[in-house]
Amino acid sequence: MPSAPCSITVALVALWLTVPNAETASAAPRIEFFEGPINSSQRVVGLGGAFTSVGEGAEAHLVNPASFAVRTAFSRTSWYDWDFGLSAFSVIGKQIDIDQSGNRARVDSAQLAQAGFNLKFGRFATGLHVRSQNLTLAVADAIGQRQVPYSFEHTFGGYGFAWSFARGEWVAGAVLSIGTATLAFGGSQPGSVKFQSAAGFHSLGLLHAPHGERWRAGLALQTGLDLRAVDALGHAIVPAGKVGLLDTPELIHTPWQASMGMSYMSGARPFNLVTSFDADLPQGPTGTQIDRHYMLFSADVVVNGATGNAISAASYLAQQPLKAGQTGTISVRGGVESELWANRLAVRLGSYYEPSRYAGAWGRGHLTGGFDVRLTLIWDWKISYCFDFARGYNNSALGLGFWH
């Protein structure tokens, strides 16, 4: 028989997964914006999205904000450091099943671009990160005579900061962020509707990297985000009129997300070194003294909350509204990475389960992978590539950043 605390925990989890935000229903539709496929940097995608506990580099800010202040083994000797990452992808092919709706709400194209930048000053770090995604498709008009273009662009980002404490074994971070979206449509009466959220600390993260150990643990939380219709000056407005055959949305909602991860590194490369400005602690190898050979294993469990009374973004664009997010979902992710050619080539392989946000529908499995190649031009750069293959979804992406 399960213990009382265990029963209470299970009940609370069930409540969080099934109870949507307590807002009254309205005539205007609510759109759920849920990112099922992993939309992030090449390293994160290549590892199957299992990056909450790894938390290194400018590409990880929105995965776990603690990453702003996480030092790699090769930046531990400098009190000041900086990093940046740039990535972009375009999903391959036409009629893309971006959200597992089958043939009911396939989009014609999907692109994403993101950029991250951070500055580290001892235990403190700060920086910026922005990510933008665009979905487009063409739908036959009411009498079926011509194709009308529809597009949905969603941008999220902001200012982040993090602090390492307890002699650098713990790192906590947050992102003060804002979200915007634009719903555009063509046809005989083209137009667009803009949406915007209130600014707030929508992303929080924590990472534990005990000195000398081969493992890390991470937690991250993204709060639910409501984007409401605004005018050109950013003032809230009451939505009116129609987008194609459908009423203009009341709001666009992104459900909350909680991520928990563990990672383990085998091989000669150290995982959790003491930083040089912690002079009272035992110091490890530095710079070229570090053996670069390693094998990194990482796993995440990701929980997303319910939305309720909403339809998916893709089905809204397709003018075939489908209810989505009636219950919460759980995703399991894992990946492995190694530097096969020391200081020149890193490769990775991963997989994850993408749950469906449609009631009664099955999720799908993804196979991911990629590599980084070092290129020296004034600085040491890395050219990154990743892929993400699943039923109805094929993603390929390139990126640029610093080699560590």
Protein backbone atom coordinates (compact mmCIF):
# COMPACT_ATOMS: atom_id res chain seq x y z
CA MET A 1 0.00 0.00 0.00
CA PRO A 2 1.48 3.42 -0.94
CA SER A 3 2.31 5.82 1.85
CA ALA A 4 0.18 8.91 2.53
CA PRO A 5 2.83 11.38 1.24
CA CYS A 6 3.19 9.33 -1.95
CA SER A 7 -0.58 9.33 -2.50
CA ILE A 8 -0.75 13.09 -1.92
CA THR A 9 2.11 13.68 -4.41
CA VAL A 10 0.41 11.58 -7.08
CA ALA A 11 -2.85 13.43 -6.51
CA LEU A 12 -1.17 16.83 -6.79
CA VAL A 13 0.59 15.86 -10.03
CA ALA A 14 -2.71 14.62 -11.47
CA LEU A 15 -4.37 17.89 -10.48
CA TRP A 16 -1.66 20.01 -12.17
CA LEU A 17 -1.87 17.90 -15.33
CA THR A 18 -5.63 17.99 -15.72
CA VAL A 19 -6.82 21.34 -14.37
CA PRO A 20 -6.45 24.18 -16.91
CA ASN A 21 -5.96 27.82 -16.08
CA ALA A 22 -9.00 29.14 -14.26
CA GLU A 23 -10.33 31.52 -16.89
CA THR A 24 -13.90 31.74 -18.07
CA ALA A 25 -14.76 30.60 -21.55
CA SER A 26 -15.55 33.22 -24.15
CA ALA A 27 -16.89 33.33 -27.69
CA ALA A 28 -13.48 34.27 -29.09
CA PRO A 29 -11.14 31.27 -29.45
CA ARG A 30 -8.00 30.75 -27.41
CA ILE A 31 -4.93 29.44 -29.22
CA GLU A 32 -2.48 27.08 -27.54
CA PHE A 33 1.12 27.54 -28.66
CA PHE A 34 2.93 24.35 -27.72
CA GLU A 35 6.37 23.41 -29.01
CA GLY A 36 6.28 19.64 -29.37
CA PRO A 37 9.45 19.15 -31.45
CA ILE A 38 12.66 20.39 -29.80
CA ASN A 39 13.28 23.95 -30.99
CA SER A 40 16.70 24.95 -29.72
CA SER A 41 20.40 24.97 -30.58
CA GLN A 42 22.18 22.25 -32.52
CA ARG A 43 23.73 20.75 -29.38
CA VAL A 44 20.42 20.66 -27.52
CA VAL A 45 18.55 19.11 -30.47
CA GLY A 46 21.36 16.62 -31.10
CA LEU A 47 21.12 15.42 -27.49
CA GLY A 48 17.39 14.84 -27.87
CA GLY A 49 16.59 17.93 -25.80
CA ALA A 50 18.15 16.40 -22.68
CA PHE A 51 20.06 19.49 -21.58
CA THR A 52 18.52 20.70 -18.32
CA SER A 53 21.42 19.35 -16.24
CA VAL A 54 24.21 19.97 -18.78
CA GLY A 55 23.43 23.69 -18.93
CA GLU A 56 26.57 24.91 -20.72
CA GLY A 57 26.99 27.65 -23.30
CA ALA A 58 24.90 30.44 -24.74
CA GLU A 59 22.63 27.96 -26.49
CA ALA A 60 21.18 26.73 -23.18
CA HIS A 61 19.74 29.94 -21.69
CA LEU A 62 16.09 29.16 -22.38
CA VAL A 63 16.51 25.46 -21.51
CA ASN A 64 17.91 26.26 -18.06
CA PRO A 65 18.64 29.91 -17.14
CA ALA A 66 21.30 28.73 -14.68
CA SER A 67 23.47 28.22 -17.79
CA PHE A 68 24.29 31.93 -17.85
CA ALA A 69 26.81 31.31 -15.03
CA VAL A 70 27.84 27.68 -15.67
CA ARG A 71 31.54 27.41 -16.54
CA THR A 72 33.00 24.80 -18.87
CA ALA A 73 36.24 23.06 -17.91
CA PHE A 74 38.04 25.42 -20.32
CA SER A 75 36.80 28.73 -18.92
CA ARG A 76 37.34 28.08 -15.20
CA THR A 77 40.65 29.99 -14.97
CA SER A 78 39.33 33.39 -16.06
CA TRP A 79 37.34 35.66 -13.76
CA TYR A 80 35.83 37.28 -16.88
CA ASP A 81 34.45 35.30 -19.82
CA TRP A 82 31.87 35.68 -22.57
CA ASP A 83 30.05 33.44 -25.02
CA PHE A 84 27.48 33.61 -27.79
CA GLY A 85 25.51 31.20 -29.94
CA LEU A 86 23.53 31.58 -33.15
CA SER A 87 21.34 28.92 -34.75
CA ALA A 88 18.64 28.57 -37.37
CA PHE A 89 16.64 25.73 -38.84
CA SER A 90 14.08 25.09 -41.52
CA VAL A 91 11.88 21.99 -41.39
CA ILE A 92 12.31 20.03 -44.61
CA GLY A 93 9.48 19.48 -47.08
CA LYS A 94 5.88 20.58 -47.50
CA GLN A 95 2.75 19.62 -45.55
CA ILE A 96 4.65 19.34 -42.27
CA ASP A 97 2.90 17.68 -39.35
CA ILE A 98 4.25 20.18 -36.85
CA ASP A 99 1.94 19.19 -33.98
CA GLN A 100 0.79 15.62 -34.76
CA SER A 101 -2.60 16.60 -36.12
CA GLY A 102 -2.26 14.11 -38.98
CA ASN A 103 -3.62 15.48 -42.25
CA ARG A 104 -5.91 17.99 -40.56
CA ALA A 105 -3.51 20.87 -39.82
CA ARG A 106 -0.25 20.45 -41.72
CA VAL A 107 1.82 23.57 -42.39
CA ASP A 108 3.78 24.38 -45.54
CA SER A 109 6.92 25.72 -43.83
CA ALA A 110 8.39 26.11 -40.35
CA GLN A 111 11.50 28.10 -39.47
CA LEU A 112 13.22 29.00 -36.24
CA ALA A 113 16.11 31.32 -35.41
CA GLN A 114 17.67 32.11 -32.05
CA ALA A 115 20.63 33.98 -30.62
CA GLY A 116 22.15 34.01 -27.14
CA PHE A 117 24.90 36.08 -25.54
CA ASN A 118 26.31 36.10 -22.03
CA LEU A 119 28.97 37.83 -19.92
CA LYS A 120 30.50 36.17 -16.86
CA PHE A 121 32.08 38.11 -13.98
CA GLY A 122 33.26 35.65 -11.37
CA ARG A 123 30.23 33.99 -9.86
CA PHE A 124 27.77 36.40 -11.54
CA ALA A 125 26.67 36.25 -15.16
CA THR A 126 24.19 38.10 -17.32
CA GLY A 127 23.10 38.16 -20.94
CA LEU A 128 20.37 38.19 -23.56
CA HIS A 129 18.54 35.51 -25.49
CA VAL A 130 15.83 35.68 -28.15
CA ARG A 131 14.08 32.97 -30.17
CA SER A 132 11.61 33.35 -33.04
CA GLN A 133 9.50 30.73 -34.80
CA ASN A 134 7.39 31.15 -37.95
CA LEU A 135 4.71 28.85 -39.38
CA THR A 136 3.09 29.42 -42.78
CA LEU A 137 0.56 27.67 -44.99
CA ALA A 138 -1.94 28.39 -47.75
CA VAL A 139 -5.61 27.47 -47.39
CA ALA A 140 -8.38 27.45 -49.99
CA ASP A 141 -10.83 30.34 -49.57
CA ALA A 142 -14.50 29.92 -48.66
CA ILE A 143 -15.51 29.03 -52.24
CA GLY A 144 -12.36 27.08 -53.02
CA GLN A 145 -11.26 29.32 -55.89
CA ARG A 146 -7.79 30.35 -54.66
CA GLN A 147 -5.20 29.73 -51.96
CA VAL A 148 -5.06 32.26 -49.12
CA PRO A 149 -1.76 32.58 -47.21
CA TYR A 150 -1.71 32.47 -43.39
CA SER A 151 1.29 32.85 -41.11
CA PHE A 152 1.99 32.75 -37.39
CA GLU A 153 5.17 34.21 -35.88
CA HIS A 154 6.02 33.75 -32.21
CA THR A 155 9.00 35.47 -30.52
CA PHE A 156 10.18 34.97 -26.95
CA GLY A 157 13.22 36.30 -25.16
CA GLY A 158 14.66 38.72 -22.69
CA TYR A 159 17.37 39.60 -20.20
CA GLY A 160 18.80 36.85 -18.00
CA PHE A 161 21.16 36.54 -15.08
CA ALA A 162 22.55 33.80 -12.84
CA TRP A 163 24.64 33.39 -9.71
CA SER A 164 26.74 30.46 -8.51
CA PHE A 165 26.84 29.85 -4.77
CA ALA A 166 27.82 27.25 -2.15
CA ARG A 167 31.43 27.47 -3.43
CA GLY A 168 30.20 27.22 -7.00
CA GLU A 169 28.48 23.86 -6.69
CA TRP A 170 25.00 25.37 -7.13
CA VAL A 171 23.87 27.80 -9.83
CA ALA A 172 20.51 29.60 -9.99
CA GLY A 173 19.26 31.74 -12.86
CA ALA A 174 16.23 33.59 -14.21
CA VAL A 175 15.13 35.32 -17.41
CA LEU A 176 13.08 38.53 -17.33
CA SER A 177 11.22 37.97 -20.56
CA ILE A 178 8.37 38.97 -22.83
CA GLY A 179 6.56 37.18 -25.63
CA THR A 180 5.05 38.54 -28.83
CA ALA A 181 3.14 36.99 -31.72
CA THR A 182 1.75 38.08 -35.06
CA LEU A 183 -1.06 36.35 -36.90
CA ALA A 184 -1.13 37.47 -40.55
CA PHE A 185 -3.49 36.55 -43.37
CA GLY A 186 -3.97 37.35 -47.04
CA GLY A 187 -6.96 37.10 -49.36
CA SER A 188 -9.30 39.85 -50.49
CA GLN A 189 -8.99 41.63 -47.12
CA PRO A 190 -5.45 40.99 -45.86
CA GLY A 191 -4.37 42.04 -42.40
CA SER A 192 -2.61 41.02 -39.21
CA VAL A 193 -3.23 40.84 -35.47
CA LYS A 194 -0.50 41.39 -32.90
CA PHE A 195 -0.31 39.82 -29.46
CA GLN A 196 1.94 40.56 -26.50
CA SER A 197 2.51 39.25 -22.98
CA ALA A 198 3.32 41.13 -19.82
CA ALA A 199 7.00 41.17 -18.87
CA GLY A 200 7.94 38.85 -16.03
CA PHE A 201 10.28 36.17 -14.75
CA HIS A 202 8.85 33.44 -16.95
CA SER A 203 11.96 31.18 -16.91
CA LEU A 204 13.75 29.95 -13.78
CA GLY A 205 16.53 27.39 -13.41
CA LEU A 206 18.72 25.58 -10.90
CA LEU A 207 21.78 23.38 -11.50
CA HIS A 208 23.88 21.30 -9.09
CA ALA A 209 27.45 20.36 -10.12
CA PRO A 210 29.38 18.99 -7.10
CA HIS A 211 33.14 19.51 -7.34
CA GLY A 212 35.09 16.48 -8.50
CA GLU A 213 31.99 14.42 -9.25
CA ARG A 214 31.05 12.99 -12.64
CA TRP A 215 27.37 13.96 -12.52
CA ARG A 216 25.07 16.98 -12.58
CA ALA A 217 21.41 17.57 -11.82
CA GLY A 218 19.17 20.35 -13.08
CA LEU A 219 15.67 21.78 -12.67
CA ALA A 220 13.94 24.37 -14.83
CA LEU A 221 10.51 25.99 -14.84
CA GLN A 222 8.78 28.02 -17.51
CA THR A 223 5.58 29.63 -16.27
CA GLY A 224 2.45 29.74 -18.38
CA LEU A 225 2.42 32.72 -20.73
CA ASP A 226 -0.64 34.60 -22.03
CA LEU A 227 -0.29 36.82 -25.09
CA ARG A 228 -3.23 39.19 -25.59
CA ALA A 229 -4.24 41.26 -28.60
CA VAL A 230 -2.64 44.72 -28.76
CA ASP A 231 -2.65 47.69 -31.11
CA ALA A 232 0.36 49.14 -32.92
CA LEU A 233 1.44 50.96 -29.74
CA GLY A 234 1.21 47.87 -27.56
CA HIS A 235 -2.05 48.83 -25.83
CA ALA A 236 -4.48 46.01 -25.05
CA ILE A 237 -7.51 45.80 -27.31
CA VAL A 238 -10.64 43.68 -27.48
CA PRO A 239 -10.26 41.34 -30.47
CA ALA A 240 -12.89 41.72 -33.17
CA GLY A 241 -13.57 40.53 -36.68
CA LYS A 242 -12.43 37.32 -38.30
CA VAL A 243 -9.28 35.65 -39.54
CA GLY A 244 -10.55 33.77 -42.56
CA LEU A 245 -13.60 31.85 -41.37
CA LEU A 246 -12.69 32.00 -37.67
CA ASP A 247 -13.11 34.67 -35.02
CA THR A 248 -9.98 36.60 -34.04
CA PRO A 249 -8.38 34.83 -31.03
CA GLU A 250 -8.93 36.14 -27.52
CA LEU A 251 -5.37 35.20 -26.53
CA ILE A 252 -2.46 32.90 -27.28
CA HIS A 253 -1.41 30.70 -24.39
CA THR A 254 1.85 28.81 -23.81
CA PRO A 255 1.41 26.15 -21.09
CA TRP A 256 3.79 25.94 -18.14
CA GLN A 257 6.69 23.52 -18.34
CA ALA A 258 8.81 21.84 -15.66
CA SER A 259 12.02 20.00 -16.59
CA MET A 260 14.15 17.68 -14.47
CA GLY A 261 17.43 16.24 -15.69
CA MET A 262 20.51 14.22 -14.79
CA SER A 263 23.78 13.88 -16.70
CA TYR A 264 26.93 11.81 -16.28
CA MET A 265 30.35 12.16 -17.91
CA SER A 266 32.77 9.26 -18.25
CA GLY A 267 36.34 9.41 -19.58
CA ALA A 268 39.37 11.53 -18.74
CA ARG A 269 37.78 15.00 -19.10
CA PRO A 270 36.67 16.51 -15.76
CA PHE A 271 33.02 17.57 -15.54
CA ASN A 272 32.77 19.79 -12.45
CA LEU A 273 36.02 21.64 -11.82
CA VAL A 274 36.64 24.29 -9.18
CA THR A 275 36.96 27.80 -10.65
CA SER A 276 40.34 29.50 -10.23
CA PHE A 277 38.87 32.42 -8.27
CA ASP A 278 37.94 29.96 -5.51
CA ALA A 279 41.57 30.03 -4.35
CA ASP A 280 40.84 28.33 -1.04
CA LEU A 281 39.66 25.16 -2.79
CA PRO A 282 41.83 22.44 -4.37
CA GLN A 283 42.57 23.32 -8.00
CA GLY A 284 42.37 20.95 -10.95
CA PRO A 285 44.07 20.88 -14.36
CA THR A 286 43.90 23.94 -16.61
CA GLY A 287 43.90 24.70 -20.34
CA THR A 288 45.94 22.26 -22.42
CA GLN A 289 46.48 20.09 -19.33
CA ILE A 290 42.89 18.85 -19.64
CA ASP A 291 42.41 15.55 -21.45
CA ARG A 292 39.52 16.20 -23.84
CA HIS A 293 38.28 12.61 -24.25
CA TYR A 294 34.87 12.00 -22.71
CA MET A 295 31.45 10.40 -23.10
CA LEU A 296 28.47 12.41 -21.89
CA PHE A 297 25.12 10.80 -21.08
CA SER A 298 22.08 12.97 -20.36
CA ALA A 299 18.38 12.40 -19.64
CA ASP A 300 15.39 14.69 -18.98
CA VAL A 301 11.77 14.34 -17.97
CA VAL A 302 9.59 17.28 -19.09
CA VAL A 303 6.06 17.96 -17.84
CA ASN A 304 3.71 20.45 -19.52
CA GLY A 305 0.50 21.72 -17.99
CA ALA A 306 -2.98 21.81 -19.47
CA THR A 307 -4.46 24.80 -21.29
CA GLY A 308 -8.18 24.05 -21.56
CA ASN A 309 -10.74 25.67 -23.85
CA ALA A 310 -8.14 26.14 -26.61
CA ILE A 311 -7.33 25.11 -30.14
CA SER A 312 -3.88 24.46 -31.59
CA ALA A 313 -2.01 27.16 -33.49
CA ALA A 314 -1.53 24.96 -36.56
CA SER A 315 -5.21 24.00 -36.78
CA TYR A 316 -6.22 27.65 -36.45
CA LEU A 317 -3.99 28.54 -39.40
CA ALA A 318 -5.48 25.64 -41.37
CA GLN A 319 -8.97 27.00 -40.60
CA GLN A 320 -9.89 23.60 -39.13
CA PRO A 321 -9.94 24.23 -35.37
CA LEU A 322 -8.93 21.26 -33.21
CA LYS A 323 -9.08 21.28 -29.42
CA ALA A 324 -5.66 20.94 -27.84
CA GLY A 325 -4.12 20.88 -24.38
CA GLN A 326 -7.12 19.50 -22.52
CA THR A 327 -4.73 17.58 -20.24
CA GLY A 328 -1.06 17.90 -19.36
CA THR A 329 1.63 15.82 -21.04
CA ILE A 330 4.96 14.19 -20.19
CA SER A 331 8.03 13.83 -22.43
CA VAL A 332 11.12 11.66 -21.85
CA ARG A 333 14.41 12.66 -23.50
CA GLY A 334 17.93 11.27 -23.69
CA GLY A 335 21.21 11.71 -25.54
CA VAL A 336 24.90 10.85 -25.68
CA GLU A 337 27.86 12.99 -26.83
CA SER A 338 31.59 12.45 -27.38
CA GLU A 339 34.59 14.25 -28.84
CA LEU A 340 35.73 11.62 -31.35
CA TRP A 341 38.56 13.75 -32.75
CA ALA A 342 40.23 15.56 -29.86
CA ASN A 343 39.84 19.34 -30.07
CA ARG A 344 38.40 19.07 -33.59
CA LEU A 345 35.13 17.11 -33.85
CA ALA A 346 32.31 16.40 -31.35
CA VAL A 347 29.37 14.14 -32.27
CA ARG A 348 26.08 13.39 -30.56
CA LEU A 349 23.00 11.19 -30.86
CA GLY A 350 19.68 11.42 -29.05
CA SER A 351 16.02 10.53 -28.95
CA TYR A 352 12.86 11.83 -27.31
CA TYR A 353 9.17 11.15 -27.03
CA GLU A 354 6.90 13.97 -28.20
CA PRO A 355 3.44 13.67 -26.61
CA SER A 356 0.36 14.71 -28.53
CA ARG A 357 -1.73 17.62 -27.23
CA TYR A 358 -4.83 16.20 -28.94
CA ALA A 359 -7.14 14.06 -26.79
CA GLY A 360 -6.89 10.36 -27.55
CA ALA A 361 -3.98 10.74 -29.99
CA TRP A 362 -0.67 8.89 -29.72
CA GLY A 363 2.63 10.73 -29.49
CA ARG A 364 5.68 10.04 -31.65
CA GLY A 365 9.32 9.20 -31.16
CA HIS A 366 12.17 11.31 -32.57
CA LEU A 367 15.69 10.36 -33.59
CA THR A 368 18.18 13.22 -33.32
CA GLY A 369 21.89 13.76 -33.80
CA GLY A 370 24.55 16.15 -34.99
CA PHE A 371 28.11 17.36 -34.70
CA ASP A 372 30.39 20.36 -34.04
CA VAL A 373 33.49 21.06 -36.13
CA ARG A 374 36.23 23.41 -34.92
CA LEU A 375 37.31 26.20 -37.29
CA THR A 376 40.08 28.62 -36.31
CA LEU A 377 39.74 32.16 -37.68
CA ILE A 378 41.10 34.70 -35.17
CA TRP A 379 39.10 32.80 -32.53
CA ASP A 380 38.19 29.14 -32.30
CA TRP A 381 34.71 28.81 -33.81
CA LYS A 382 32.40 25.84 -33.99
CA ILE A 383 30.22 25.09 -37.00
CA SER A 384 27.30 23.00 -35.77
CA TYR A 385 24.79 20.74 -37.52
CA CYS A 386 21.85 18.74 -36.21
CA PHE A 387 18.94 16.66 -37.49
CA ASP A 388 15.60 15.65 -35.99
CA PHE A 389 13.59 12.93 -37.74
CA ALA A 390 10.09 11.72 -36.81
CA ARG A 391 6.87 10.65 -38.47
CA GLY A 392 5.74 13.65 -40.56
CA TYR A 393 8.62 15.84 -39.35
CA ASN A 394 12.19 16.25 -40.65
CA ASN A 395 14.35 19.05 -39.30
CA SER A 396 17.88 20.02 -40.32
CA ALA A 397 19.80 22.97 -38.86
CA LEU A 398 23.10 24.86 -38.86
CA GLY A 399 24.64 26.99 -36.13
CA LEU A 400 27.65 29.08 -35.17
CA GLY A 401 29.33 29.62 -31.83
CA PHE A 402 32.62 29.43 -29.93
CA TRP A 403 34.55 26.19 -29.59
CA HIS A 404 35.28 25.22 -25.99
